[in-house]
C-alpha atoms as a PDB file:
ATOM      1  CA  MET A   1     122.427 -34.000  21.908  1.00  0.00           C
ATOM      2  CA  LYS A   2     122.720 -34.111  18.124  1.00  0.00           C
ATOM      3  CA  LEU A   3     123.993 -37.111  16.204  1.00  0.00           C
ATOM      4  CA  SER A   4     126.587 -34.764  14.680  1.00  0.00           C
ATOM      5  CA  MET A   5     128.128 -34.323  18.149  1.00  0.00           C
ATOM      6  CA  LEU A   6     128.472 -38.094  18.543  1.00  0.00           C
ATOM      7  CA  LEU A   7     129.968 -38.362  15.049  1.00  0.00           C
ATOM      8  CA  TRP A   8     132.555 -35.746  16.018  1.00  0.00           C
ATOM      9  CA  LEU A   9     133.321 -37.590  19.280  1.00  0.00           C
ATOM     10  CA  MET A  10     133.844 -40.823  17.340  1.00  0.00           C
ATOM     11  CA  SER A  11     136.502 -39.075  15.289  1.00  0.00           C
ATOM     12  CA  VAL A  12     138.521 -37.724  18.238  1.00  0.00           C
ATOM     13  CA  LEU A  13     138.165 -40.339  20.976  1.00  0.00           C
ATOM     14  CA  PRO A  14     140.948 -42.867  21.473  1.00  0.00           C
ATOM     15  CA  GLN A  15     140.321 -46.589  21.143  1.00  0.00           C
ATOM     16  CA  PRO A  16     138.489 -48.403  22.654  1.00  0.00           C
ATOM     17  CA  LEU A  17     136.197 -45.458  23.532  1.00  0.00           C
ATOM     18  CA  ALA A  18     135.677 -44.563  19.867  1.00  0.00           C
ATOM     19  CA  ASP A  19     134.481 -48.087  19.058  1.00  0.00           C
ATOM     20  CA  GLN A  20     132.168 -48.166  22.073  1.00  0.00           C
ATOM     21  CA  THR A  21     130.701 -44.817  21.048  1.00  0.00           C
ATOM     22  CA  CYS A  22     130.196 -46.035  17.457  1.00  0.00           C
ATOM     23  CA  LEU A  23     128.587 -49.275  18.588  1.00  0.00           C
ATOM     24  CA  ALA A  24     126.389 -47.609  21.229  1.00  0.00           C
ATOM     25  CA  THR A  25     125.152 -45.054  18.712  1.00  0.00           C
ATOM     26  CA  THR A  26     124.396 -47.824  16.216  1.00  0.00           C
ATOM     27  CA  VAL A  27     122.503 -49.874  18.810  1.00  0.00           C
ATOM     28  CA  TYR A  28     120.564 -46.746  19.786  1.00  0.00           C
ATOM     29  CA  LEU A  29     119.646 -45.842  16.204  1.00  0.00           C
ATOM     30  CA  GLU A  30     118.849 -49.397  15.096  1.00  0.00           C
ATOM     31  CA  ALA A  31     117.253 -50.967  18.171  1.00  0.00           C
ATOM     32  CA  ARG A  32     116.568 -48.560  21.047  1.00  0.00           C
ATOM     33  CA  SER A  33     112.948 -49.757  21.270  1.00  0.00           C
ATOM     34  CA  GLN A  34     113.920 -53.446  21.214  1.00  0.00           C
ATOM     35  CA  SER A  35     114.585 -55.864  24.053  1.00  0.00           C
ATOM     36  CA  THR A  36     118.031 -56.260  25.560  1.00  0.00           C
ATOM     37  CA  VAL A  37     118.504 -59.455  23.525  1.00  0.00           C
ATOM     38  CA  GLY A  38     117.477 -57.606  20.346  1.00  0.00           C
ATOM     39  CA  GLN A  39     120.007 -54.876  21.080  1.00  0.00           C
ATOM     40  CA  LEU A  40     122.724 -57.423  21.839  1.00  0.00           C
ATOM     41  CA  ALA A  41     121.942 -59.147  18.529  1.00  0.00           C
ATOM     42  CA  VAL A  42     122.396 -55.891  16.584  1.00  0.00           C
ATOM     43  CA  ALA A  43     125.720 -55.317  18.342  1.00  0.00           C
ATOM     44  CA  GLU A  44     126.714 -58.916  17.616  1.00  0.00           C
ATOM     45  CA  VAL A  45     126.238 -58.407  13.868  1.00  0.00           C
ATOM     46  CA  ALA A  46     128.538 -55.363  13.942  1.00  0.00           C
ATOM     47  CA  MET A  47     131.143 -57.189  16.031  1.00  0.00           C
ATOM     48  CA  ARG A  48     131.059 -60.241  13.745  1.00  0.00           C
ATOM     49  CA  ARG A  49     131.584 -57.983  10.742  1.00  0.00           C
ATOM     50  CA  ARG A  50     134.547 -56.324  12.459  1.00  0.00           C
ATOM     51  CA  GLU A  51     136.075 -59.693  13.245  1.00  0.00           C
ATOM     52  CA  ARG A  52     135.737 -60.807   9.627  1.00  0.00           C
ATOM     53  CA  GLY A  53     137.362 -57.591   8.418  1.00  0.00           C
ATOM     54  CA  GLN A  54     135.247 -57.447   5.273  1.00  0.00           C
ATOM     55  CA  TRP A  55     133.629 -54.143   6.261  1.00  0.00           C
ATOM     56  CA  GLY A  56     136.554 -52.612   8.158  1.00  0.00           C
ATOM     57  CA  ASP A  57     139.090 -53.252  10.892  1.00  0.00           C
ATOM     58  CA  THR A  58     137.406 -51.258  13.655  1.00  0.00           C
ATOM     59  CA  VAL A  59     133.833 -51.126  14.891  1.00  0.00           C
ATOM     60  CA  CYS A  60     133.654 -47.525  13.710  1.00  0.00           C
ATOM     61  CA  ASP A  61     134.768 -48.526  10.200  1.00  0.00           C
ATOM     62  CA  VAL A  62     132.123 -51.263  10.122  1.00  0.00           C
ATOM     63  CA  VAL A  63     129.159 -49.185  11.285  1.00  0.00           C
ATOM     64  CA  LYS A  64     130.197 -46.258   9.075  1.00  0.00           C
ATOM     65  CA  ALA A  65     130.434 -48.413   5.926  1.00  0.00           C
ATOM     66  CA  PRO A  66     128.073 -46.838   3.396  1.00  0.00           C
ATOM     67  CA  HIS A  67     124.456 -48.003   3.608  1.00  0.00           C
ATOM     68  CA  GLN A  68     125.154 -50.794   6.094  1.00  0.00           C
ATOM     69  CA  PHE A  69     123.869 -49.324   9.374  1.00  0.00           C
ATOM     70  CA  ALA A  70     121.644 -46.428  10.411  1.00  0.00           C
ATOM     71  CA  LEU A  71     124.686 -44.335  11.295  1.00  0.00           C
ATOM     72  CA  THR A  72     125.193 -43.600   7.580  1.00  0.00           C
ATOM     73  CA  THR A  73     121.542 -43.162   6.675  1.00  0.00           C
ATOM     74  CA  THR A  74     120.400 -40.944   9.553  1.00  0.00           C
ATOM     75  CA  SER A  75     120.609 -37.171   9.380  1.00  0.00           C
ATOM     76  CA  PRO A  76     123.424 -35.740  11.531  1.00  0.00           C
ATOM     77  CA  ASN A  77     120.820 -33.224  12.745  1.00  0.00           C
ATOM     78  CA  GLN A  78     118.794 -35.957  14.451  1.00  0.00           C
ATOM     79  CA  ASP A  79     118.476 -35.464  18.177  1.00  0.00           C
ATOM     80  CA  ILE A  80     119.530 -38.251  20.500  1.00  0.00           C
ATOM     81  CA  GLU A  81     116.705 -37.497  22.909  1.00  0.00           C
ATOM     82  CA  ASN A  82     116.209 -40.626  24.988  1.00  0.00           C
ATOM     83  CA  LEU A  83     119.261 -40.509  27.223  1.00  0.00           C
ATOM     84  CA  SER A  84     118.231 -43.546  29.268  1.00  0.00           C
ATOM     85  CA  ALA A  85     117.978 -45.552  26.010  1.00  0.00           C
ATOM     86  CA  PHE A  86     121.411 -44.248  25.000  1.00  0.00           C
ATOM     87  CA  GLN A  87     122.827 -45.271  28.388  1.00  0.00           C
ATOM     88  CA  LYS A  88     121.426 -48.763  27.854  1.00  0.00           C
ATOM     89  CA  ALA A  89     122.936 -48.842  24.344  1.00  0.00           C
ATOM     90  CA  TRP A  90     126.278 -47.734  25.853  1.00  0.00           C
ATOM     91  CA  ASP A  91     126.135 -50.603  28.344  1.00  0.00           C
ATOM     92  CA  ILE A  92     125.170 -53.092  25.607  1.00  0.00           C
ATOM     93  CA  ALA A  93     128.077 -51.866  23.466  1.00  0.00           C
ATOM     94  CA  GLY A  94     130.529 -52.281  26.334  1.00  0.00           C
ATOM     95  CA  LYS A  95     129.290 -55.796  27.098  1.00  0.00           C
ATOM     96  CA  SER A  96     129.452 -56.737  23.422  1.00  0.00           C
ATOM     97  CA  ILE A  97     133.008 -55.470  22.990  1.00  0.00           C
ATOM     98  CA  GLN A  98     134.022 -57.311  26.151  1.00  0.00           C
ATOM     99  CA  ASN A  99     132.297 -60.496  24.934  1.00  0.00           C
ATOM    100  CA  TRP A 100     134.155 -60.339  21.589  1.00  0.00           C
ATOM    101  CA  GLY A 101     137.422 -59.919  23.467  1.00  0.00           C
ATOM    102  CA  LEU A 102     137.005 -63.472  24.757  1.00  0.00           C
ATOM    103  CA  PRO A 103     138.210 -66.567  22.873  1.00  0.00           C
ATOM    104  CA  ALA A 104     135.571 -67.588  20.306  1.00  0.00           C
ATOM    105  CA  ASP A 105     134.541 -70.702  22.222  1.00  0.00           C
ATOM    106  CA  GLU A 106     133.810 -68.638  25.347  1.00  0.00           C
ATOM    107  CA  ARG A 107     131.659 -65.956  23.718  1.00  0.00           C
ATOM    108  CA  ARG A 108     127.906 -65.746  24.173  1.00  0.00           C
ATOM    109  CA  PHE A 109     125.977 -65.563  20.910  1.00  0.00           C
ATOM    110  CA  PHE A 110     122.364 -64.551  20.315  1.00  0.00           C
ATOM    111  CA  VAL A 111     122.341 -64.811  16.515  1.00  0.00           C
ATOM    112  CA  PRO A 112     125.123 -67.287  15.626  1.00  0.00           C
ATOM    113  CA  HIS A 113     126.752 -66.578  12.244  1.00  0.00           C
ATOM    114  CA  ALA A 114     124.407 -63.626  11.492  1.00  0.00           C
ATOM    115  CA  ASP A 115     126.119 -60.818   9.601  1.00  0.00           C
ATOM    116  CA  HIS A 116     123.034 -58.947   8.354  1.00  0.00           C
ATOM    117  CA  PHE A 117     119.712 -57.841   9.775  1.00  0.00           C
ATOM    118  CA  ALA A 118     116.655 -56.010   8.581  1.00  0.00           C
ATOM    119  CA  THR A 119     113.368 -54.813   9.959  1.00  0.00           C
ATOM    120  CA  ALA A 120     111.006 -57.783   9.980  1.00  0.00           C
ATOM    121  CA  SER A 121     108.380 -55.847   8.013  1.00  0.00           C
ATOM    122  CA  ILE A 122     110.554 -55.643   4.887  1.00  0.00           C
ATOM    123  CA  SER A 123     112.201 -58.255   2.667  1.00  0.00           C
ATOM    124  CA  PRO A 124     115.394 -56.942   1.079  1.00  0.00           C
ATOM    125  CA  THR A 125     116.397 -58.755  -2.096  1.00  0.00           C
ATOM    126  CA  TRP A 126     119.491 -60.165  -0.380  1.00  0.00           C
ATOM    127  CA  SER A 127     117.287 -61.831   2.268  1.00  0.00           C
ATOM    128  CA  ARG A 128     115.181 -63.943  -0.093  1.00  0.00           C
ATOM    129  CA  ASN A 129     115.536 -67.703   0.436  1.00  0.00           C
ATOM    130  CA  GLN A 130     117.687 -67.079   3.524  1.00  0.00           C
ATOM    131  CA  HIS A 131     117.015 -68.585   6.946  1.00  0.00           C
ATOM    132  CA  ALA A 132     116.379 -65.887   9.547  1.00  0.00           C
ATOM    133  CA  ILE A 133     116.261 -65.627  13.312  1.00  0.00           C
ATOM    134  CA  THR A 134     113.595 -63.153  14.404  1.00  0.00           C
ATOM    135  CA  ILE A 135     114.091 -61.130  17.574  1.00  0.00           C
ATOM    136  CA  GLY A 136     111.576 -58.388  18.171  1.00  0.00           C
ATOM    137  CA  ASP A 137     111.211 -56.230  15.065  1.00  0.00           C
ATOM    138  CA  HIS A 138     114.352 -57.543  13.332  1.00  0.00           C
ATOM    139  CA  LYS A 139     115.302 -60.583  11.304  1.00  0.00           C
ATOM    140  CA  PHE A 140     118.929 -61.694  11.457  1.00  0.00           C
ATOM    141  CA  TYR A 141     120.599 -63.480   8.545  1.00  0.00           C
ATOM    142  CA  SER A 142     123.853 -65.259   7.775  1.00  0.00           C
ATOM    143  CA  ILE A 143     124.653 -64.073   4.263  1.00  0.00           C
ATOM    144  CA  ASN A 144     128.464 -64.197   4.055  1.00  0.00           C
END
């Protein structure tokens, strides 16, 4: 399956399926080789951004914001080849959306307050002098 097919699905599916598709695709592109906790942390960043509304009012708006997540920097021609990894990302997305549907004091957090992440091997300028939580190959930051 091509990423372009998923992008089309995101545009025609009703809510909440569109948001789950957007979040699952983001988790797949950003963290498919990471642990379950690492994938949940990536989803958590997107959900926190949605809740804050600074990057959009829906999960799809947030993960499609220019240059914020892999969904906008990956070629639409990329194949989504690892279907078992996509199924796991789908499950992670569903659990994350369900978790964020709970009252704030009942949610489970893996990277409290984090609203950014980057591959641990790089140091973006915005990450300098910021405390980070490292999970697998990613560092998670609270910037805003």
